[in-house]
């Protein structure tokens, strides 16, 4: 009787640990909707905060700026002095 109980306990522990996933943010979009609830997640596919807020109405969610958004900013020019 002890082995089946132990096997059931081990199987339950493995199934419970398999449900944990790392959160990823899509770096192509500047705004994410953070959805709250039993299964909370971030939905990063919005171009503006206004667009996200419009779609978040009536939901348990909030709109946030994507911390991993890949900005295409021009590189700063180096200010080196050239002697001619």
N, C-alpha and C. Protein backbone atom coordinates (compact mmCIF):
# COMPACT_ATOMS: atom_id res chain seq x y z
N UNK A 1 0.82 -1.20 0.00
CA UNK A 1 0.00 0.00 0.00
C UNK A 1 0.86 1.26 0.00
N UNK A 2 2.07 1.12 0.48
CA UNK A 2 2.94 2.27 0.57
C UNK A 2 3.47 2.69 -0.81
N UNK A 3 3.80 1.75 -1.66
CA UNK A 3 4.34 2.07 -2.99
C UNK A 3 3.33 2.81 -3.89
N UNK A 4 2.09 2.36 -3.97
CA UNK A 4 1.14 3.11 -4.81
C UNK A 4 0.93 4.54 -4.30
N UNK A 5 0.92 4.74 -3.00
CA UNK A 5 0.75 6.09 -2.45
C UNK A 5 1.95 6.96 -2.79
N UNK A 6 3.13 6.38 -2.69
CA UNK A 6 4.35 7.12 -3.02
C UNK A 6 4.39 7.44 -4.51
N UNK A 7 4.01 6.49 -5.35
CA UNK A 7 3.99 6.72 -6.81
C UNK A 7 2.98 7.81 -7.15
N UNK A 8 1.83 7.83 -6.50
CA UNK A 8 0.82 8.85 -6.73
C UNK A 8 1.33 10.22 -6.30
N UNK A 9 2.02 10.28 -5.18
CA UNK A 9 2.59 11.53 -4.69
C UNK A 9 3.64 12.08 -5.65
N UNK A 10 4.51 11.22 -6.14
CA UNK A 10 5.56 11.64 -7.08
C UNK A 10 4.94 12.11 -8.39
N UNK A 11 3.94 11.38 -8.89
CA UNK A 11 3.28 11.77 -10.15
C UNK A 11 2.58 13.13 -9.99
N UNK A 12 1.95 13.36 -8.85
CA UNK A 12 1.30 14.65 -8.59
C UNK A 12 2.30 15.79 -8.53
N UNK A 13 3.44 15.55 -7.91
CA UNK A 13 4.48 16.58 -7.83
C UNK A 13 5.03 16.91 -9.22
N UNK A 14 5.22 15.91 -10.05
CA UNK A 14 5.72 16.14 -11.41
C UNK A 14 4.71 16.92 -12.25
N UNK A 15 3.45 16.59 -12.15
CA UNK A 15 2.43 17.30 -12.91
C UNK A 15 2.28 18.75 -12.44
N UNK A 16 2.39 18.97 -11.15
CA UNK A 16 2.27 20.34 -10.63
C UNK A 16 3.45 21.19 -11.05
N UNK A 17 4.63 20.62 -11.12
CA UNK A 17 5.80 21.41 -11.49
C UNK A 17 5.87 21.66 -12.99
N UNK A 18 5.20 20.87 -13.80
CA UNK A 18 5.25 21.04 -15.25
C UNK A 18 4.45 22.24 -15.72
N UNK A 19 3.56 22.78 -14.89
CA UNK A 19 2.70 23.88 -15.29
C UNK A 19 3.41 25.23 -15.26
N UNK A 20 4.58 25.33 -14.69
CA UNK A 20 5.29 26.60 -14.58
C UNK A 20 6.05 26.89 -15.87
N UNK A 21 5.74 28.06 -16.47
CA UNK A 21 6.41 28.48 -17.70
C UNK A 21 7.03 29.86 -17.48
N UNK A 22 8.10 30.13 -18.16
CA UNK A 22 8.73 31.44 -18.08
C UNK A 22 7.90 32.46 -18.85
N UNK A 23 7.80 33.65 -18.32
CA UNK A 23 7.07 34.72 -18.99
C UNK A 23 7.96 35.35 -20.04
N UNK A 24 7.43 35.53 -21.23
CA UNK A 24 8.19 36.19 -22.28
C UNK A 24 7.42 37.39 -22.79
N UNK A 25 8.12 38.40 -23.15
CA UNK A 25 7.55 39.61 -23.73
C UNK A 25 8.02 39.69 -25.18
N UNK A 26 7.11 39.99 -26.09
CA UNK A 26 7.46 40.10 -27.50
C UNK A 26 8.18 41.43 -27.72
N UNK A 27 9.45 41.42 -28.11
CA UNK A 27 10.21 42.67 -28.24
C UNK A 27 9.82 43.50 -29.47
N UNK A 28 8.89 43.02 -30.30
CA UNK A 28 8.50 43.77 -31.50
C UNK A 28 7.44 44.83 -31.23
N UNK A 29 6.77 44.78 -30.09
CA UNK A 29 5.67 45.72 -29.79
C UNK A 29 5.97 46.50 -28.52
N UNK A 30 5.63 47.80 -28.50
CA UNK A 30 5.98 48.65 -27.36
C UNK A 30 5.04 48.54 -26.16
N UNK A 31 3.85 47.95 -26.33
CA UNK A 31 2.86 47.93 -25.25
C UNK A 31 2.37 46.50 -25.01
N UNK A 32 2.20 46.15 -23.74
CA UNK A 32 1.68 44.83 -23.35
C UNK A 32 0.44 45.00 -22.49
N UNK A 33 -0.47 44.03 -22.59
CA UNK A 33 -1.61 43.96 -21.69
C UNK A 33 -1.31 42.86 -20.68
N UNK A 34 -1.26 43.24 -19.41
CA UNK A 34 -1.03 42.28 -18.34
C UNK A 34 -2.39 41.79 -17.88
N UNK A 35 -2.69 40.52 -18.13
CA UNK A 35 -3.97 39.93 -17.77
C UNK A 35 -3.82 39.22 -16.43
N UNK A 36 -4.76 39.47 -15.52
CA UNK A 36 -4.74 38.88 -14.19
C UNK A 36 -5.81 37.80 -14.09
N UNK A 37 -5.62 36.86 -13.21
CA UNK A 37 -6.59 35.79 -12.99
C UNK A 37 -5.88 34.51 -12.63
N UNK A 38 -6.61 33.40 -12.70
CA UNK A 38 -5.99 32.12 -12.36
C UNK A 38 -4.78 31.81 -13.25
N UNK A 39 -4.86 32.20 -14.52
CA UNK A 39 -3.74 32.02 -15.44
C UNK A 39 -3.37 33.41 -15.96
N UNK A 40 -2.51 34.11 -15.26
CA UNK A 40 -2.09 35.44 -15.65
C UNK A 40 -0.98 35.38 -16.70
N UNK A 41 -1.01 36.32 -17.63
CA UNK A 41 0.01 36.36 -18.67
C UNK A 41 0.08 37.76 -19.27
N UNK A 42 1.11 38.02 -20.03
CA UNK A 42 1.29 39.29 -20.72
C UNK A 42 1.06 39.07 -22.21
N UNK A 43 0.22 39.92 -22.79
CA UNK A 43 -0.09 39.86 -24.21
C UNK A 43 0.53 41.08 -24.87
N UNK A 44 1.66 40.90 -25.52
CA UNK A 44 2.41 42.03 -26.10
C UNK A 44 2.21 42.08 -27.61
N UNK A 45 1.15 42.75 -28.03
CA UNK A 45 0.91 42.91 -29.46
C UNK A 45 0.19 44.22 -29.77
N UNK A 46 0.49 45.25 -29.00
CA UNK A 46 -0.19 46.53 -29.15
C UNK A 46 0.81 47.62 -29.52
N UNK A 47 0.37 48.49 -30.43
CA UNK A 47 1.23 49.57 -30.91
C UNK A 47 1.18 50.79 -30.00
N UNK A 48 0.02 51.03 -29.34
CA UNK A 48 -0.12 52.21 -28.48
C UNK A 48 -0.84 51.82 -27.20
N UNK A 49 -0.68 52.66 -26.17
CA UNK A 49 -1.39 52.44 -24.91
C UNK A 49 -2.89 52.59 -25.12
N UNK A 50 -3.32 53.52 -25.99
CA UNK A 50 -4.74 53.73 -26.24
C UNK A 50 -5.38 52.49 -26.84
N UNK A 51 -4.70 51.86 -27.78
CA UNK A 51 -5.21 50.64 -28.41
C UNK A 51 -5.36 49.54 -27.36
N UNK A 52 -4.39 49.38 -26.50
CA UNK A 52 -4.43 48.37 -25.45
C UNK A 52 -5.55 48.66 -24.46
N UNK A 53 -5.67 49.90 -24.02
CA UNK A 53 -6.70 50.27 -23.04
C UNK A 53 -8.10 50.05 -23.60
N UNK A 54 -8.29 50.32 -24.88
CA UNK A 54 -9.59 50.10 -25.52
C UNK A 54 -9.99 48.63 -25.44
N UNK A 55 -9.02 47.74 -25.67
CA UNK A 55 -9.31 46.30 -25.66
C UNK A 55 -9.30 45.70 -24.25
N UNK A 56 -8.80 46.45 -23.26
CA UNK A 56 -8.77 45.96 -21.88
C UNK A 56 -10.03 46.29 -21.10
N UNK A 57 -10.94 47.07 -21.67
CA UNK A 57 -12.16 47.47 -20.97
C UNK A 57 -12.98 46.24 -20.62
N UNK A 58 -13.40 46.15 -19.36
CA UNK A 58 -14.22 45.04 -18.91
C UNK A 58 -13.45 43.79 -18.54
N UNK A 59 -12.14 43.84 -18.64
CA UNK A 59 -11.31 42.68 -18.30
C UNK A 59 -10.50 42.98 -17.06
N UNK A 60 -10.04 41.94 -16.42
CA UNK A 60 -9.14 42.10 -15.30
C UNK A 60 -7.73 42.20 -15.87
N UNK A 61 -7.42 43.41 -16.37
CA UNK A 61 -6.14 43.60 -17.07
C UNK A 61 -5.71 45.05 -16.95
N UNK A 62 -4.43 45.27 -17.20
CA UNK A 62 -3.87 46.62 -17.25
C UNK A 62 -2.86 46.68 -18.38
N UNK A 63 -2.64 47.87 -18.89
CA UNK A 63 -1.70 48.05 -20.00
C UNK A 63 -0.39 48.62 -19.46
N UNK A 64 0.72 48.05 -19.92
CA UNK A 64 2.04 48.47 -19.46
C UNK A 64 2.96 48.66 -20.66
N UNK A 65 3.99 49.46 -20.45
CA UNK A 65 5.02 49.63 -21.47
C UNK A 65 5.90 48.39 -21.45
N UNK A 66 6.17 47.84 -22.61
CA UNK A 66 6.96 46.63 -22.74
C UNK A 66 8.41 46.93 -22.33
N UNK A 67 8.91 46.31 -21.26
CA UNK A 67 10.28 46.58 -20.82
C UNK A 67 11.33 46.01 -21.77
N UNK A 68 10.94 45.14 -22.68
CA UNK A 68 11.89 44.51 -23.59
C UNK A 68 11.68 44.95 -25.04
N UNK A 69 10.99 46.07 -25.24
CA UNK A 69 10.75 46.56 -26.59
C UNK A 69 12.08 46.95 -27.23
N UNK A 70 12.32 46.44 -28.43
CA UNK A 70 13.57 46.72 -29.15
C UNK A 70 13.41 48.02 -29.92
N UNK A 71 13.90 49.09 -29.34
CA UNK A 71 13.80 50.40 -29.99
C UNK A 71 14.87 50.50 -31.08
N UNK A 72 14.47 51.07 -32.19
CA UNK A 72 15.41 51.27 -33.30
C UNK A 72 15.91 52.71 -33.27
N UNK A 73 16.72 53.00 -32.27
CA UNK A 73 17.28 54.35 -32.13
C UNK A 73 18.59 54.45 -32.90
N UNK A 74 18.81 55.58 -33.54
CA UNK A 74 20.08 55.72 -34.26
C UNK A 74 21.24 55.77 -33.28
N UNK A 75 22.35 55.20 -33.70
CA UNK A 75 23.54 55.19 -32.85
C UNK A 75 24.12 56.59 -32.77
N UNK A 76 24.61 56.94 -31.60
CA UNK A 76 25.23 58.24 -31.41
C UNK A 76 26.54 58.31 -32.16
N UNK A 77 26.75 59.44 -32.79
CA UNK A 77 28.02 59.62 -33.51
C UNK A 77 29.13 59.88 -32.51
N UNK A 78 30.25 59.32 -32.80
CA UNK A 78 31.38 59.57 -31.92
C UNK A 78 31.97 60.92 -32.28
N UNK A 79 32.35 61.65 -31.26
CA UNK A 79 32.89 62.98 -31.48
C UNK A 79 34.42 62.93 -31.37
N UNK A 80 35.01 62.44 -32.42
CA UNK A 80 36.47 62.40 -32.44
C UNK A 80 36.99 63.57 -33.27
N UNK A 81 38.09 64.05 -32.87
CA UNK A 81 38.68 65.18 -33.57
C UNK A 81 39.62 64.65 -34.65
N UNK A 82 39.39 65.11 -35.83
CA UNK A 82 40.27 64.68 -36.93
C UNK A 82 41.22 65.81 -37.29
N UNK A 83 42.45 65.48 -37.34
CA UNK A 83 43.45 66.46 -37.75
C UNK A 83 43.71 66.29 -39.23
N UNK A 84 43.57 67.35 -39.96
CA UNK A 84 43.83 67.29 -41.40
C UNK A 84 45.12 67.94 -41.73
